[in-house]
Each structure stands twice: as structure tokens, then as C-alpha cells.
Protein backbone atom coordinates (compact mmCIF):
# COMPACT_ATOMS: atom_id res chain seq x y z
CA UNK A 1 132.78 165.74 120.83
CA UNK A 2 136.07 166.27 119.01
CA UNK A 3 138.71 163.60 119.68
CA UNK A 4 141.17 166.05 121.24
CA UNK A 5 138.53 167.42 123.62
CA UNK A 6 137.42 163.92 124.60
CA UNK A 7 141.01 162.88 125.37
CA UNK A 8 141.50 166.04 127.44
CA UNK A 9 138.31 165.27 129.39
CA UNK A 10 139.50 161.72 130.13
CA UNK A 11 142.88 162.98 131.32
CA UNK A 12 141.21 165.47 133.70
CA UNK A 13 138.80 162.79 134.96
CA UNK A 14 141.59 160.31 135.62
CA UNK A 15 143.88 162.78 137.37
CA UNK A 16 141.25 164.47 139.54
CA UNK A 17 140.57 162.99 142.96
CA UNK A 18 136.79 162.75 143.40
CA UNK A 19 135.39 162.31 146.88
CA UNK A 20 131.87 160.89 147.00
CA UNK A 21 129.65 161.55 150.01
CA UNK A 22 128.89 158.34 151.86
CA UNK A 23 126.78 156.89 154.68
CA UNK A 24 128.71 155.58 157.68
CA UNK A 25 126.79 153.18 159.92
CA UNK A 26 127.68 153.46 163.60
CA UNK A 27 126.89 149.77 164.16
CA UNK A 28 129.51 148.76 161.59
CA UNK A 29 132.34 150.01 163.81
CA UNK A 30 134.22 147.12 165.41
CA UNK A 31 136.74 146.74 168.19
CA UNK A 32 134.58 148.08 171.00
CA UNK A 33 131.19 147.45 172.58
CA UNK A 34 131.05 151.01 173.93
CA UNK A 35 128.39 152.73 171.82
CA UNK A 36 129.83 156.20 172.43
CA UNK A 37 133.19 155.03 171.10
CA UNK A 38 131.52 153.40 168.11
CA UNK A 39 129.92 156.74 167.28
CA UNK A 40 133.25 158.56 167.66
CA UNK A 41 135.00 156.02 165.44
CA UNK A 42 132.35 156.55 162.76
CA UNK A 43 132.66 160.31 163.13
CA UNK A 44 136.46 160.18 162.80
CA UNK A 45 136.04 158.55 159.38
CA UNK A 46 133.58 161.19 158.17
CA UNK A 47 134.52 163.76 155.54
CA UNK A 48 132.63 166.76 154.22
CA UNK A 49 129.20 165.72 152.96
CA UNK A 50 129.11 162.37 154.76
CA UNK A 51 126.15 161.09 156.74
CA UNK A 52 126.75 159.34 160.07
CA UNK A 53 123.82 156.93 160.37
CA UNK A 54 122.91 156.22 163.99
CA UNK A 55 121.42 152.73 163.93
CA UNK A 56 121.82 151.86 167.62
CA UNK A 57 121.30 153.71 170.90
CA UNK A 58 124.33 155.80 171.98
CA UNK A 59 124.86 155.77 175.74
CA UNK A 60 127.18 158.30 177.42
CA UNK A 61 128.16 157.12 180.89
CA UNK A 62 128.61 159.29 184.00
CA UNK A 63 132.34 159.86 183.61
CA UNK A 64 132.40 160.16 179.81
CA UNK A 65 132.81 163.52 178.09
CA UNK A 66 130.16 164.79 175.68
CA UNK A 67 130.51 163.97 172.00
CA UNK A 68 132.03 166.87 170.06
CA UNK A 69 131.22 167.62 166.40
CA UNK A 70 133.82 170.07 165.07
CA UNK A 71 133.89 169.10 161.38
CA UNK A 72 131.90 171.07 158.81
CA UNK A 73 129.22 169.83 156.41
CA UNK A 74 128.29 166.69 158.37
CA UNK A 75 124.89 165.05 158.84
CA UNK A 76 123.91 162.98 161.89
CA UNK A 77 120.85 160.93 161.03
CA UNK A 78 118.97 158.35 163.02
CA UNK A 79 118.02 155.32 160.95
CA UNK A 80 114.29 154.80 160.58
CA UNK A 81 113.22 152.10 163.04
CA UNK A 82 109.46 152.30 162.59
CA UNK A 83 108.26 153.09 166.10
CA UNK A 84 110.42 155.49 168.11
CA UNK A 85 113.89 156.86 167.39
CA UNK A 86 117.44 155.82 168.16
CA UNK A 87 118.71 157.60 171.26
CA UNK A 88 121.61 159.77 172.27
CA UNK A 89 121.33 159.60 176.04
CA UNK A 90 123.02 159.97 179.36
CA UNK A 91 122.02 157.77 182.26
CA UNK A 92 121.56 160.91 184.40
CA UNK A 93 120.99 164.65 184.00
CA UNK A 94 124.63 165.64 184.39
CA UNK A 95 126.91 167.09 181.70
CA UNK A 96 126.19 167.60 178.01
CA UNK A 97 125.26 165.02 175.38
CA UNK A 98 126.34 166.59 172.07
CA UNK A 99 128.50 169.68 171.57
CA UNK A 100 128.67 171.15 168.06
CA UNK A 101 131.24 173.70 166.89
CA UNK A 102 131.06 173.04 163.12
CA UNK A 103 129.12 174.76 160.33
CA UNK A 104 126.64 173.28 157.86
CA UNK A 105 125.43 170.65 160.30
CA UNK A 106 122.21 168.65 159.95
CA UNK A 107 120.83 166.58 162.84
CA UNK A 108 117.85 164.43 161.98
CA UNK A 109 115.54 161.79 163.45
CA UNK A 110 117.21 161.33 166.85
CA UNK A 111 115.95 161.20 170.43
CA UNK A 112 117.99 163.17 172.97
CA UNK A 113 117.31 161.90 176.48
CA UNK A 114 118.41 163.22 179.90
CA UNK A 115 121.64 165.19 180.26
CA UNK A 116 122.26 168.75 181.43
CA UNK A 117 122.38 170.35 177.97
CA UNK A 118 121.32 167.98 175.26
CA UNK A 119 122.41 169.68 172.01
CA UNK A 120 124.80 172.56 172.53
CA UNK A 121 125.92 174.75 169.62
CA UNK A 122 128.85 176.98 170.49
CA UNK A 123 131.39 179.12 168.65
CA UNK A 124 133.77 181.84 169.75
CA UNK A 125 134.91 183.75 166.66
CA UNK A 126 133.40 183.15 163.23
CA UNK A 127 129.74 183.02 162.24
CA UNK A 128 128.32 179.51 162.02
CA UNK A 129 125.98 178.95 159.07
CA UNK A 130 123.34 176.44 158.06
CA UNK A 131 122.23 174.56 161.15
CA UNK A 132 119.31 172.20 160.63
CA UNK A 133 117.57 170.15 163.31
CA UNK A 134 114.62 168.15 162.01
CA UNK A 135 112.36 165.29 163.08
CA UNK A 136 114.07 165.03 166.48
CA UNK A 137 112.77 164.58 170.03
CA UNK A 138 114.26 166.22 173.14
CA UNK A 139 113.13 164.88 176.49
CA UNK A 140 114.02 165.37 180.18
CA UNK A 141 116.88 167.82 179.70
CA UNK A 142 117.77 169.33 183.06
CA UNK A 143 118.71 172.72 181.58
CA UNK A 144 118.37 172.96 177.78
CA UNK A 145 117.20 170.93 174.84
CA UNK A 146 118.96 173.03 172.17
CA UNK A 147 121.24 175.89 173.21
CA UNK A 148 123.08 178.36 170.98
CA UNK A 149 126.02 180.43 172.20
CA UNK A 150 127.91 182.50 169.66
CA UNK A 151 127.01 183.91 166.23
CA UNK A 152 124.62 182.03 163.94
CA UNK A 153 122.96 182.57 160.59
CA UNK A 154 120.42 180.39 158.82
CA UNK A 155 119.12 178.08 161.54
CA UNK A 156 116.05 175.91 160.97
CA UNK A 157 114.42 173.71 163.63
CA UNK A 158 111.52 171.79 162.09
CA UNK A 159 109.13 168.93 162.95
CA UNK A 160 110.76 168.50 166.35
CA UNK A 161 109.22 167.76 169.76
CA UNK A 162 110.41 169.07 173.13
CA UNK A 163 109.17 167.56 176.39
CA UNK A 164 110.04 168.45 179.96
CA UNK A 165 113.27 170.38 179.29
CA UNK A 166 113.73 173.53 181.37
CA UNK A 167 114.71 175.72 178.38
CA UNK A 168 113.63 173.85 175.27
CA UNK A 169 115.31 176.23 172.80
CA UNK A 170 117.63 178.90 174.14
CA UNK A 171 120.04 181.46 172.71
CA UNK A 172 122.42 182.81 175.31
CA UNK A 173 123.50 186.35 174.40
CA UNK A 174 124.25 185.56 170.75
CA UNK A 175 125.90 188.65 169.18
CA UNK A 176 124.49 187.56 165.80
CA UNK A 177 121.33 185.54 165.39
CA UNK A 178 119.88 185.98 161.93
CA UNK A 179 117.40 183.99 159.84
CA UNK A 180 116.29 181.72 162.68
CA UNK A 181 113.21 179.56 162.00
CA UNK A 182 111.14 177.28 164.23
CA UNK A 183 108.49 175.55 162.12
CA UNK A 184 105.99 172.75 162.78
CA UNK A 185 107.31 171.88 166.26
CA UNK A 186 105.63 170.87 169.52
CA UNK A 187 106.50 171.89 173.08
CA UNK A 188 105.29 170.23 176.27
CA UNK A 189 106.07 171.33 179.85
CA UNK A 190 109.36 172.97 180.83
CA UNK A 191 109.98 176.50 182.12
CA UNK A 192 110.85 178.61 179.04
CA UNK A 193 109.93 176.78 175.85
CA UNK A 194 111.66 179.22 173.47
CA UNK A 195 113.92 181.85 175.01
CA UNK A 196 115.73 184.14 172.56
CA UNK A 197 116.71 186.14 175.58
CA UNK A 198 119.48 188.73 175.30
CA UNK A 199 118.71 191.60 177.66
CA UNK A 200 121.44 194.28 177.57
CA UNK A 201 123.82 191.97 175.68
CA UNK A 202 126.23 193.31 173.06
CA UNK A 203 124.05 192.52 170.08
CA UNK A 204 125.24 193.13 166.51
CA UNK A 205 122.29 191.61 164.67
CA UNK A 206 119.46 189.71 166.29
CA UNK A 207 116.74 189.66 163.67
CA UNK A 208 114.68 187.84 161.07
CA UNK A 209 113.09 185.32 163.42
CA UNK A 210 110.15 183.14 162.38
CA UNK A 211 108.05 181.04 164.76
CA UNK A 212 105.23 179.36 162.85
CA UNK A 213 102.86 176.39 162.67
CA UNK A 214 103.90 175.34 166.18
CA UNK A 215 102.08 174.08 169.27
CA UNK A 216 103.09 175.38 172.70
CA UNK A 217 101.56 173.40 175.56
CA UNK A 218 101.37 174.47 179.19
CA UNK A 219 104.71 175.37 180.76
CA UNK A 220 105.88 176.83 184.07
CA UNK A 221 106.50 180.37 182.80
CA UNK A 222 106.94 181.43 179.17
CA UNK A 223 105.98 179.80 175.89
CA UNK A 224 108.04 182.36 173.95
CA UNK A 225 110.37 184.99 175.43
CA UNK A 226 112.12 187.52 173.20
CA UNK A 227 114.61 190.18 174.27
CA UNK A 228 116.66 192.52 172.11
CA UNK A 229 115.19 190.98 168.96
CA UNK A 230 113.93 192.62 165.76
CA UNK A 231 111.95 191.63 162.66
CA UNK A 232 109.93 188.75 164.08
CA UNK A 233 107.08 186.77 162.55
CA UNK A 234 104.84 184.69 164.84
CA UNK A 235 102.27 182.90 162.68
CA UNK A 236 99.70 180.11 162.95
CA UNK A 237 100.73 178.93 166.41
CA UNK A 238 98.83 177.77 169.48
CA UNK A 239 100.04 179.06 172.86
CA UNK A 240 98.59 177.74 176.12
CA UNK A 241 100.79 179.88 178.39
CA UNK A 242 102.33 179.29 181.80
CA UNK A 243 100.95 178.02 185.05
CA UNK A 244 103.03 180.11 187.49
CA UNK A 245 102.15 183.46 189.12
CA UNK A 246 104.48 185.30 186.70
CA UNK A 247 103.97 183.63 183.35
CA UNK A 248 103.01 184.59 179.83
CA UNK A 249 102.39 183.05 176.45
CA UNK A 250 104.35 185.84 174.69
CA UNK A 251 106.96 187.84 176.59
CA UNK A 252 108.67 190.75 174.78
CA UNK A 253 111.32 192.87 176.47
CA UNK A 254 114.35 195.10 175.97
CA UNK A 255 114.26 196.68 172.52
CA UNK A 256 112.26 193.91 170.88
CA UNK A 257 110.71 195.65 167.88
CA UNK A 258 108.97 195.10 164.56
CA UNK A 259 106.99 192.00 165.48
CA UNK A 260 104.05 190.67 163.47
CA UNK A 261 101.77 188.32 165.41
CA UNK A 262 99.23 186.85 162.98
CA UNK A 263 96.65 184.05 162.97
CA UNK A 264 97.47 182.64 166.42
CA UNK A 265 95.58 181.34 169.44
CA UNK A 266 97.30 182.95 172.47
CA UNK A 267 96.19 181.98 175.96
CA UNK A 268 97.52 182.24 179.49
CA UNK A 269 94.89 181.64 182.14
CA UNK A 270 97.32 182.01 185.05
CA UNK A 271 98.59 185.44 184.06
CA UNK A 272 98.99 187.81 181.09
CA UNK A 273 98.73 186.40 177.57
CA UNK A 274 101.02 189.03 175.96
CA UNK A 275 103.47 191.18 177.93
CA UNK A 276 105.72 194.02 176.70
CA UNK A 277 108.19 194.99 179.40
CA UNK A 278 111.67 196.22 180.29
CA UNK A 279 113.75 194.06 182.57
CA UNK A 280 114.64 195.37 186.04
CA UNK A 281 118.31 194.44 186.14
CA UNK A 282 121.35 194.30 183.89
CA UNK A 283 122.03 190.94 182.29
CA UNK A 284 119.75 188.07 183.10
CA UNK A 285 118.37 189.65 186.24
CA UNK A 286 121.66 189.31 188.13
CA UNK A 287 123.35 192.70 187.73
CA UNK A 288 122.61 196.16 189.06
CA UNK A 289 119.07 197.48 189.05
CA UNK A 290 118.22 199.76 186.14
CA UNK A 291 117.02 203.31 186.62
CA UNK A 292 113.58 204.35 185.42
CA UNK A 293 115.21 206.29 182.58
CA UNK A 294 117.16 203.23 181.45
CA UNK A 295 114.07 201.05 181.57
CA UNK A 296 112.11 203.54 179.53
CA UNK A 297 114.89 203.71 176.94
CA UNK A 298 114.96 199.92 176.56
CA UNK A 299 111.23 199.42 176.03
CA UNK A 300 109.80 197.26 173.26
CA UNK A 301 107.30 198.21 170.58
CA UNK A 302 106.20 198.33 166.95
CA UNK A 303 104.05 195.25 167.53
CA UNK A 304 101.22 194.37 165.12
CA UNK A 305 98.47 191.97 166.18
CA UNK A 306 96.47 190.58 163.25
CA UNK A 307 93.63 188.02 163.47
CA UNK A 308 94.48 186.46 166.83
CA UNK A 309 92.39 185.13 169.70
CA UNK A 310 94.07 186.43 172.87
CA UNK A 311 92.86 185.23 176.27
CA UNK A 312 93.86 185.52 179.90
CA UNK A 313 92.23 184.50 183.15
CA UNK A 314 91.50 186.64 186.20
CA UNK A 315 95.06 187.81 186.65
CA UNK A 316 95.90 191.30 185.41
CA UNK A 317 94.96 191.53 181.72
CA UNK A 318 95.07 189.80 178.36
CA UNK A 319 97.61 192.30 176.95
CA UNK A 320 99.89 194.26 179.27
CA UNK A 321 102.34 196.95 178.12
CA UNK A 322 105.02 198.41 180.37
CA UNK A 323 107.65 200.93 179.23
CA UNK A 324 106.33 200.64 175.67
CA UNK A 325 108.01 202.40 172.74
CA UNK A 326 106.83 203.08 169.21
CA UNK A 327 103.39 201.60 168.60
CA UNK A 328 101.17 198.62 169.19
CA UNK A 329 98.68 198.06 166.39
CA UNK A 330 95.64 195.88 167.09
CA UNK A 331 93.58 195.14 163.99
CA UNK A 332 89.82 194.78 164.06
CA UNK A 333 89.91 191.03 163.43
CA UNK A 334 91.46 190.31 166.87
CA UNK A 335 89.37 188.87 169.69
CA UNK A 336 90.64 189.77 173.17
CA UNK A 337 89.21 188.04 176.25
CA UNK A 338 89.98 188.46 179.92
CA UNK A 339 88.17 187.96 183.21
CA UNK A 340 89.96 191.14 184.23
CA UNK A 341 91.09 194.00 181.94
CA UNK A 342 91.38 193.41 178.21
CA UNK A 343 94.29 195.79 177.48
CA UNK A 344 96.38 197.49 180.15
CA UNK A 345 99.41 199.77 179.96
CA UNK A 346 101.62 201.41 182.54
CA UNK A 347 104.40 203.95 182.02
CA UNK A 348 103.67 203.83 178.31
CA UNK A 349 100.91 206.32 177.49
CA UNK A 350 103.39 209.09 176.60
CA UNK A 351 105.92 206.90 174.77
CA UNK A 352 103.71 204.49 172.81
CA UNK A 353 100.95 204.99 170.29
CA UNK A 354 98.01 202.61 170.70
CA UNK A 355 96.46 201.95 167.29
CA UNK A 356 93.34 199.95 168.11
CA UNK A 357 90.85 199.31 165.32
CA UNK A 358 87.27 200.21 166.19
CA UNK A 359 86.12 196.68 165.32
CA UNK A 360 88.49 195.01 167.80
CA UNK A 361 86.46 192.86 170.18
CA UNK A 362 87.53 193.34 173.80
CA UNK A 363 85.67 191.30 176.42
CA UNK A 364 82.70 190.98 174.12
CA UNK A 365 82.43 194.66 173.18
CA UNK A 366 83.64 196.51 170.11
CA UNK A 367 86.32 199.11 170.79
CA UNK A 368 84.14 201.75 169.09
CA UNK A 369 81.48 201.11 171.76
CA UNK A 370 84.03 201.07 174.57
CA UNK A 371 85.19 204.54 173.53
CA UNK A 372 81.65 205.83 174.06
CA UNK A 373 81.55 204.75 177.72
CA UNK A 374 81.62 207.89 179.90
CA UNK A 375 82.13 206.28 183.30
CA UNK A 376 85.90 205.83 183.69
CA UNK A 377 85.66 202.90 186.10
CA UNK A 378 83.36 200.99 183.75
CA UNK A 379 85.58 201.80 180.78
CA UNK A 380 88.67 200.54 182.57
CA UNK A 381 87.05 197.12 182.88
CA UNK A 382 87.89 196.84 179.17
CA UNK A 383 90.98 198.99 178.60
CA UNK A 384 93.26 201.02 180.89
CA UNK A 385 96.05 203.08 179.32
CA UNK A 386 98.50 204.83 181.63
């Protein structure tokens, strides 16, 4: 390097303020024994790129407000403790635990326990980017484990467990939800395990959703509920369905389109395994009742089923389509089982194309053989399209 260039480099290096990302240990904060305040003190010191290392349990008391994360480019990381995880907890199921308004946030290796909403992402104006939740555990949330309200792009929830939270993952009428991934997670109990539910909301973009490599245990109603959502991949998952009288493993409604369901085990012994439907009322079932014309216009469709095992019990059917639009394509490598009807549709025969491969196995019989059955009543034991 020429001498003049080297001197110039040294001058720039000496006059430029360089900020190095650092780890901030919550336990190192002094002056208080209140663990919530220790966490806040550590957070107040954090700058862009810093990691707040949670190395003790953070307790939020009854009368204490939730912790708010409004800075951008911050990581909250539980220190490895061998068995178990460090906790963010309330001593009851009231109020929130953590409220996040910042962008580029990573939350890793923490146990969220109790509370009303455990991890609440919210924004009002701009799009929030790059949200990562990984290696966490959400347990006993009265309402939600993770809730999103606002506009979000590039969200990844990976290697995370949800147990006994009413809505494990929920998006509440997000105008923009794009590039949203749930990968290698586990869900146990609860009511709705994943609810990307936006019926009749003012949606700008609600697309590019991936649910993969994930286990959905028994729940009260829905393993996965989608509304007003497009471009969805559901791959290599196990769904055990709901236990209630109106429950499904996969629930698609209100303009949910372009969905690929591939290489899954999909079961709901209490009710229908896969349901396509149009909701009855505006909003989340609280507004005025929709007319038949409005319901027909808001139907879901363009669903492709590829190499799945789909099973229901005695109730209704394995696959049920109401107010369907576009097409449903069932490839020949699917196995469909039901103690009742294999595939059933209502108010869909004129608005949806049923593309069923002749090799598709429905209640032990190839679809090509079912088509040859002349007795209508016998045929409708396998498939009923109306």
C-alpha cells in the first residue's frame, strides 16, 4: 500500500466512530432485585445489533406493565442452561408478557409462561420486517402464544413448541402478511393452533405462507385455519385435528386460493379433515349475516392435494367443500379414508372444477372404479358432489 493511502486509511479509521455489537447480560444489572426491571435496564443500554442475554427468570407481577421492545435490530436470547429454558412469565393469565413494535427482531431460546398474550407483535403504520422466533416454548397462554397485528414481511417461526395456548399463532386482520414461515414446530392442545384468519378484512397482500415439517397434536377445533390467504405451501406435516363437534385439521375460507398440500398426514376423527368454506358473518363471526351471493363470491379454491393421507371419522366426510371456487385437484397418490363419505361438496358443483385422478384411493376403492358404480346411493358412500 502506498504511504499516502495508508496514512489516509489511518486517519479515516481514527476519526470514524465504530460501534461493535455486544452481549448484555440481564443478571449483570445492579441496583434492583426486580427481574423485570433488570431486563428493562439491560434493554435500555442496547443499541442496534446488540444481544440481550436472558440468564435468569423474568417475572412480571400482577400490577406491572408488559415489557415493550420498540428498538430495531435487537436480539433477545435465553442463555443455554442445559435442561429447560429461562422464563418470561406472569404469575397469572392476565395482561401481556412481551410487546414488540420494532423491526429486525430475533427472539430465541426462551420459555413464555402464563399471561393473556405472551408475545405480541403490533404496528400501526409502516411494514415491520425480519421477525425471527426460534427454539422457544410457549405454554399456558390464556389467549395467544404469538400474535401479529399490523403489516409484516419476512417472518420465520422455527423449532418452537406451543402447549395449551388458546390461539398458538394468530394474525389478526393483518393488511400485509408476506413471506411467513412456520418450520419444524410442535403444537399441543389449544383451540386454534395456527389461525391466519382474516375474513372480510381489508387485505393488501396476504400471501407466500409456508407451513412445513411441523407436528400438530389434538386441539379443540382447528390445527390450521386460513382465511383470505393466497400462495400457501403445506408440506411434510402431521395433523391430528380437533376434538370438538365443529373441528378440522385444515380449515380454508374466504378467498383462500392457490394452496399446495403435499406429503402430509391429515386426520380429524371428530369431524372433517379438510374443509373449504365461506364464513356466515362479516368479520370474525360478529357482524351481519352474509347473503348467499356474498358467500358464493367469497369461496376458496385452487387447492392441490399431492401425496397425502387424509382421514376422518364417522362425522360428515374426509374432505368437505362448500361455496368452492376455481378447482380442487386431487392427485392419484392421495389416500382418502372416512367412515362416512370420502369427498363431499355442497353449493359448489357449478362453481368449482373437481379434478380427481383416477388412481385416487377413496375408502379403499380407486376413483376410476367408483365412477363405474351405477347405483347413486352406493356411489355417494364414496363421493357426493352437489
